[in-house]
């Protein structure tokens, strides 16, 4: 039981050490990249919707 607790303590000490080594991005970069992701997702959503309408229109001639 003690070995397990020691292993858990050692693990979390390592996590804390590694956490300090993280280089966090600046707020400006995070905001810009978040905005870029939102724009790209919106563009893909609109393009897929337009393709869906196009295929629906094309398939309407087959019926």
PDB file of N, CA and C in Angstrom:
ATOM      1  N   UNK A   1       0.824  -1.197   0.000  1.00  0.00           N
ATOM      2  CA  UNK A   1       0.000   0.000   0.000  1.00  0.00           C
ATOM      3  C   UNK A   1       0.866   1.257   0.000  1.00  0.00           C
ATOM      4  N   UNK A   2       1.941   1.257   0.821  1.00  0.00           N
ATOM      5  CA  UNK A   2       2.836   2.408   0.880  1.00  0.00           C
ATOM      6  C   UNK A   2       3.551   2.628  -0.443  1.00  0.00           C
ATOM      7  N   UNK A   3       3.908   1.538  -1.112  1.00  0.00           N
ATOM      8  CA  UNK A   3       4.584   1.657  -2.406  1.00  0.00           C
ATOM      9  C   UNK A   3       3.676   2.349  -3.417  1.00  0.00           C
ATOM     10  N   UNK A   4       2.400   2.017  -3.374  1.00  0.00           N
ATOM     11  CA  UNK A   4       1.441   2.628  -4.296  1.00  0.00           C
ATOM     12  C   UNK A   4       1.312   4.115  -4.020  1.00  0.00           C
ATOM     13  N   UNK A   5       1.196   4.486  -2.758  1.00  0.00           N
ATOM     14  CA  UNK A   5       1.092   5.905  -2.410  1.00  0.00           C
ATOM     15  C   UNK A   5       2.360   6.661  -2.784  1.00  0.00           C
ATOM     16  N   UNK A   6       3.513   6.055  -2.580  1.00  0.00           N
ATOM     17  CA  UNK A   6       4.778   6.692  -2.954  1.00  0.00           C
ATOM     18  C   UNK A   6       4.852   6.878  -4.470  1.00  0.00           C
ATOM     19  N   UNK A   7       4.385   5.890  -5.209  1.00  0.00           N
ATOM     20  CA  UNK A   7       4.400   5.988  -6.662  1.00  0.00           C
ATOM     21  C   UNK A   7       3.478   7.118  -7.126  1.00  0.00           C
ATOM     22  N   UNK A   8       2.322   7.243  -6.496  1.00  0.00           N
ATOM     23  CA  UNK A   8       1.381   8.302  -6.855  1.00  0.00           C
ATOM     24  C   UNK A   8       1.976   9.673  -6.527  1.00  0.00           C
ATOM     25  N   UNK A   9       2.593   9.798  -5.349  1.00  0.00           N
ATOM     26  CA  UNK A   9       3.231  11.062  -4.971  1.00  0.00           C
ATOM     27  C   UNK A   9       4.345  11.430  -5.950  1.00  0.00           C
ATOM     28  N   UNK A  10       5.156  10.442  -6.301  1.00  0.00           N
ATOM     29  CA  UNK A  10       6.249  10.675  -7.250  1.00  0.00           C
ATOM     30  C   UNK A  10       5.697  11.128  -8.606  1.00  0.00           C
ATOM     31  N   UNK A  11       4.623  10.493  -9.030  1.00  0.00           N
ATOM     32  CA  UNK A  11       4.011  10.853 -10.312  1.00  0.00           C
ATOM     33  C   UNK A  11       3.567  12.317 -10.301  1.00  0.00           C
ATOM     34  N   UNK A  12       2.856  12.718  -9.264  1.00  0.00           N
ATOM     35  CA  UNK A  12       2.343  14.084  -9.214  1.00  0.00           C
ATOM     36  C   UNK A  12       3.457  15.109  -9.020  1.00  0.00           C
ATOM     37  N   UNK A  13       4.542  14.746  -8.355  1.00  0.00           N
ATOM     38  CA  UNK A  13       5.700  15.643  -8.272  1.00  0.00           C
ATOM     39  C   UNK A  13       6.293  15.852  -9.660  1.00  0.00           C
ATOM     40  N   UNK A  14       6.358  14.779 -10.441  1.00  0.00           N
ATOM     41  CA  UNK A  14       6.842  14.890 -11.818  1.00  0.00           C
ATOM     42  C   UNK A  14       5.933  15.742 -12.681  1.00  0.00           C
ATOM     43  N   UNK A  15       4.624  15.579 -12.465  1.00  0.00           N
ATOM     44  CA  UNK A  15       3.659  16.390 -13.210  1.00  0.00           C
ATOM     45  C   UNK A  15       3.858  17.862 -12.885  1.00  0.00           C
ATOM     46  N   UNK A  16       4.031  18.174 -11.604  1.00  0.00           N
ATOM     47  CA  UNK A  16       4.224  19.572 -11.196  1.00  0.00           C
ATOM     48  C   UNK A  16       5.512  20.138 -11.799  1.00  0.00           C
ATOM     49  N   UNK A  17       6.561  19.333 -11.835  1.00  0.00           N
ATOM     50  CA  UNK A  17       7.826  19.771 -12.428  1.00  0.00           C
ATOM     51  C   UNK A  17       7.652  20.058 -13.917  1.00  0.00           C
ATOM     52  N   UNK A  18       6.997  19.156 -14.628  1.00  0.00           N
ATOM     53  CA  UNK A  18       6.794  19.338 -16.062  1.00  0.00           C
ATOM     54  C   UNK A  18       5.852  20.510 -16.344  1.00  0.00           C
ATOM     55  N   UNK A  19       4.884  20.722 -15.463  1.00  0.00           N
ATOM     56  CA  UNK A  19       3.927  21.829 -15.631  1.00  0.00           C
ATOM     57  C   UNK A  19       4.668  23.164 -15.653  1.00  0.00           C
ATOM     58  N   UNK A  20       5.714  23.269 -14.869  1.00  0.00           N
ATOM     59  CA  UNK A  20       6.507  24.499 -14.830  1.00  0.00           C
ATOM     60  C   UNK A  20       7.312  24.730 -16.090  1.00  0.00           C
ATOM     61  N   UNK A  21       7.534  23.698 -16.872  1.00  0.00           N
ATOM     62  CA  UNK A  21       8.322  23.819 -18.103  1.00  0.00           C
ATOM     63  C   UNK A  21       7.487  24.236 -19.307  1.00  0.00           C
ATOM     64  N   UNK A  22       6.187  24.299 -19.139  1.00  0.00           N
ATOM     65  CA  UNK A  22       5.302  24.634 -20.262  1.00  0.00           C
ATOM     66  C   UNK A  22       5.481  26.099 -20.630  1.00  0.00           C
ATOM     67  N   UNK A  23       5.617  26.361 -21.916  1.00  0.00           N
ATOM     68  CA  UNK A  23       5.668  27.754 -22.374  1.00  0.00           C
ATOM     69  C   UNK A  23       4.296  28.086 -22.960  1.00  0.00           C
ATOM     70  N   UNK A  24       3.541  28.870 -22.219  1.00  0.00           N
ATOM     71  CA  UNK A  24       2.182  29.197 -22.611  1.00  0.00           C
ATOM     72  C   UNK A  24       2.197  30.279 -23.672  1.00  0.00           C
ATOM     73  N   UNK A  25       1.303  30.189 -24.673  1.00  0.00           N
ATOM     74  CA  UNK A  25       1.248  31.227 -25.706  1.00  0.00           C
ATOM     75  C   UNK A  25       0.674  32.525 -25.135  1.00  0.00           C
ATOM     76  N   UNK A  26       0.956  33.613 -25.845  1.00  0.00           N
ATOM     77  CA  UNK A  26       0.422  34.906 -25.422  1.00  0.00           C
ATOM     78  C   UNK A  26      -1.071  34.968 -25.701  1.00  0.00           C
ATOM     79  N   UNK A  27      -1.752  35.832 -24.978  1.00  0.00           N
ATOM     80  CA  UNK A  27      -3.203  35.956 -25.122  1.00  0.00           C
ATOM     81  C   UNK A  27      -3.569  36.341 -26.552  1.00  0.00           C
ATOM     82  N   UNK A  28      -2.793  37.228 -27.150  1.00  0.00           N
ATOM     83  CA  UNK A  28      -3.080  37.682 -28.521  1.00  0.00           C
ATOM     84  C   UNK A  28      -3.055  36.505 -29.504  1.00  0.00           C
ATOM     85  N   UNK A  29      -2.075  35.628 -29.357  1.00  0.00           N
ATOM     86  CA  UNK A  29      -1.954  34.463 -30.236  1.00  0.00           C
ATOM     87  C   UNK A  29      -3.141  33.524 -30.055  1.00  0.00           C
ATOM     88  N   UNK A  30      -3.542  33.304 -28.814  1.00  0.00           N
ATOM     89  CA  UNK A  30      -4.668  32.411 -28.534  1.00  0.00           C
ATOM     90  C   UNK A  30      -5.951  32.971 -29.150  1.00  0.00           C
ATOM     91  N   UNK A  31      -6.172  34.269 -28.995  1.00  0.00           N
ATOM     92  CA  UNK A  31      -7.368  34.904 -29.550  1.00  0.00           C
ATOM     93  C   UNK A  31      -7.363  34.798 -31.067  1.00  0.00           C
ATOM     94  N   UNK A  32      -6.227  35.080 -31.700  1.00  0.00           N
ATOM     95  CA  UNK A  32      -6.134  35.018 -33.159  1.00  0.00           C
ATOM     96  C   UNK A  32      -6.381  33.605 -33.669  1.00  0.00           C
ATOM     97  N   UNK A  33      -5.754  32.620 -33.048  1.00  0.00           N
ATOM     98  CA  UNK A  33      -5.906  31.243 -33.515  1.00  0.00           C
ATOM     99  C   UNK A  33      -7.319  30.723 -33.265  1.00  0.00           C
ATOM    100  N   UNK A  34      -7.939  31.136 -32.176  1.00  0.00           N
ATOM    101  CA  UNK A  34      -9.331  30.757 -31.917  1.00  0.00           C
ATOM    102  C   UNK A  34     -10.240  31.349 -32.979  1.00  0.00           C
ATOM    103  N   UNK A  35     -10.025  32.612 -33.300  1.00  0.00           N
ATOM    104  CA  UNK A  35     -10.813  33.274 -34.344  1.00  0.00           C
ATOM    105  C   UNK A  35     -10.613  32.577 -35.690  1.00  0.00           C
ATOM    106  N   UNK A  36      -9.371  32.215 -36.006  1.00  0.00           N
ATOM    107  CA  UNK A  36      -9.080  31.534 -37.266  1.00  0.00           C
ATOM    108  C   UNK A  36      -9.804  30.192 -37.344  1.00  0.00           C
ATOM    109  N   UNK A  37      -9.819  29.448 -36.251  1.00  0.00           N
ATOM    110  CA  UNK A  37     -10.509  28.156 -36.226  1.00  0.00           C
ATOM    111  C   UNK A  37     -12.002  28.350 -36.435  1.00  0.00           C
ATOM    112  N   UNK A  38     -12.582  29.346 -35.784  1.00  0.00           N
ATOM    113  CA  UNK A  38     -14.019  29.606 -35.935  1.00  0.00           C
ATOM    114  C   UNK A  38     -14.353  29.976 -37.374  1.00  0.00           C
ATOM    115  N   UNK A  39     -13.533  30.813 -37.995  1.00  0.00           N
ATOM    116  CA  UNK A  39     -13.765  31.208 -39.394  1.00  0.00           C
ATOM    117  C   UNK A  39     -13.659  29.999 -40.315  1.00  0.00           C
ATOM    118  N   UNK A  40     -12.651  29.180 -40.130  1.00  0.00           N
ATOM    119  CA  UNK A  40     -12.469  27.997 -40.985  1.00  0.00           C
ATOM    120  C   UNK A  40     -13.635  27.029 -40.823  1.00  0.00           C
ATOM    121  N   UNK A  41     -14.077  26.803 -39.602  1.00  0.00           N
ATOM    122  CA  UNK A  41     -15.213  25.912 -39.368  1.00  0.00           C
ATOM    123  C   UNK A  41     -16.462  26.458 -40.046  1.00  0.00           C
ATOM    124  N   UNK A  42     -16.675  27.761 -39.949  1.00  0.00           N
ATOM    125  CA  UNK A  42     -17.839  28.369 -40.613  1.00  0.00           C
ATOM    126  C   UNK A  42     -17.753  28.227 -42.129  1.00  0.00           C
ATOM    127  N   UNK A  43     -16.567  28.448 -42.691  1.00  0.00           N
ATOM    128  CA  UNK A  43     -16.405  28.307 -44.142  1.00  0.00           C
ATOM    129  C   UNK A  43     -16.666  26.873 -44.601  1.00  0.00           C
ATOM    130  N   UNK A  44     -16.147  25.909 -43.871  1.00  0.00           N
ATOM    131  CA  UNK A  44     -16.389  24.515 -44.228  1.00  0.00           C
ATOM    132  C   UNK A  44     -17.867  24.162 -44.090  1.00  0.00           C
ATOM    133  N   UNK A  45     -18.504  24.686 -43.053  1.00  0.00           N
ATOM    134  CA  UNK A  45     -19.923  24.409 -42.848  1.00  0.00           C
ATOM    135  C   UNK A  45     -20.749  24.951 -43.998  1.00  0.00           C
ATOM    136  N   UNK A  46     -20.472  26.172 -44.401  1.00  0.00           N
ATOM    137  CA  UNK A  46     -21.210  26.781 -45.519  1.00  0.00           C
ATOM    138  C   UNK A  46     -20.927  26.027 -46.809  1.00  0.00           C
ATOM    139  N   UNK A  47     -19.670  25.651 -47.043  1.00  0.00           N
ATOM    140  CA  UNK A  47     -19.348  24.941 -48.284  1.00  0.00           C
ATOM    141  C   UNK A  47     -20.026  23.567 -48.334  1.00  0.00           C
ATOM    142  N   UNK A  48     -20.062  22.863 -47.230  1.00  0.00           N
ATOM    143  CA  UNK A  48     -20.744  21.565 -47.206  1.00  0.00           C
ATOM    144  C   UNK A  48     -22.242  21.749 -47.415  1.00  0.00           C
ATOM    145  N   UNK A  49     -22.815  22.776 -46.814  1.00  0.00           N
ATOM    146  CA  UNK A  49     -24.234  23.054 -47.007  1.00  0.00           C
ATOM    147  C   UNK A  49     -24.536  23.369 -48.480  1.00  0.00           C
ATOM    148  N   UNK A  50     -23.680  24.162 -49.100  1.00  0.00           N
ATOM    149  CA  UNK A  50     -23.894  24.498 -50.518  1.00  0.00           C
ATOM    150  C   UNK A  50     -23.733  23.267 -51.408  1.00  0.00           C
ATOM    151  N   UNK A  51     -22.773  22.407 -51.089  1.00  0.00           N
ATOM    152  CA  UNK A  51     -22.623  21.174 -51.855  1.00  0.00           C
ATOM    153  C   UNK A  51     -23.847  20.281 -51.676  1.00  0.00           C
ATOM    154  N   UNK A  52     -24.379  20.245 -50.472  1.00  0.00           N
ATOM    155  CA  UNK A  52     -25.576  19.463 -50.209  1.00  0.00           C
ATOM    156  C   UNK A  52     -26.748  19.981 -51.052  1.00  0.00           C
ATOM    157  N   UNK A  53     -26.903  21.289 -51.102  1.00  0.00           N
ATOM    158  CA  UNK A  53     -27.973  21.865 -51.929  1.00  0.00           C
ATOM    159  C   UNK A  53     -27.767  21.548 -53.408  1.00  0.00           C
ATOM    160  N   UNK A  54     -26.517  21.631 -53.847  1.00  0.00           N
ATOM    161  CA  UNK A  54     -26.208  21.337 -55.245  1.00  0.00           C
ATOM    162  C   UNK A  54     -26.530  19.887 -55.588  1.00  0.00           C
ATOM    163  N   UNK A  55     -26.087  18.955 -54.758  1.00  0.00           N
ATOM    164  CA  UNK A  55     -26.367  17.542 -55.021  1.00  0.00           C
ATOM    165  C   UNK A  55     -27.864  17.244 -54.931  1.00  0.00           C
ATOM    166  N   UNK A  56     -28.526  17.885 -54.013  1.00  0.00           N
ATOM    167  CA  UNK A  56     -29.968  17.707 -53.888  1.00  0.00           C
ATOM    168  C   UNK A  56     -30.664  18.188 -55.161  1.00  0.00           C
ATOM    169  N   UNK A  57     -30.220  19.317 -55.691  1.00  0.00           N
ATOM    170  CA  UNK A  57     -30.790  19.868 -56.925  1.00  0.00           C
ATOM    171  C   UNK A  57     -30.505  18.932 -58.108  1.00  0.00           C
ATOM    172  N   UNK A  58     -29.267  18.429 -58.195  1.00  0.00           N
ATOM    173  CA  UNK A  58     -28.911  17.525 -59.291  1.00  0.00           C
ATOM    174  C   UNK A  58     -29.718  16.219 -59.197  1.00  0.00           C
ATOM    175  N   UNK A  59     -29.833  15.679 -57.992  1.00  0.00           N
ATOM    176  CA  UNK A  59     -30.566  14.429 -57.832  1.00  0.00           C
ATOM    177  C   UNK A  59     -32.075  14.581 -58.036  1.00  0.00           C
ATOM    178  N   UNK A  60     -32.563  15.790 -57.934  1.00  0.00           N
ATOM    179  CA  UNK A  60     -34.004  16.006 -58.163  1.00  0.00           C
ATOM    180  C   UNK A  60     -34.379  15.734 -59.627  1.00  0.00           C
ATOM    181  N   UNK A  61     -33.412  15.819 -60.540  1.00  0.00           N
ATOM    182  CA  UNK A  61     -33.676  15.532 -61.947  1.00  0.00           C
ATOM    183  C   UNK A  61     -33.764  14.034 -62.220  1.00  0.00           C
ATOM    184  N   UNK A  62     -33.200  13.228 -61.349  1.00  0.00           N
ATOM    185  CA  UNK A  62     -33.202  11.787 -61.547  1.00  0.00           C
ATOM    186  C   UNK A  62     -34.567  11.171 -61.246  1.00  0.00           C
ATOM    187  N   UNK A  63     -35.279  11.732 -60.306  1.00  0.00           N
ATOM    188  CA  UNK A  63     -36.584  11.183 -59.912  1.00  0.00           C
ATOM    189  C   UNK A  63     -37.535  11.226 -61.044  1.00  0.00           C
TER     190      UNK A  63
END
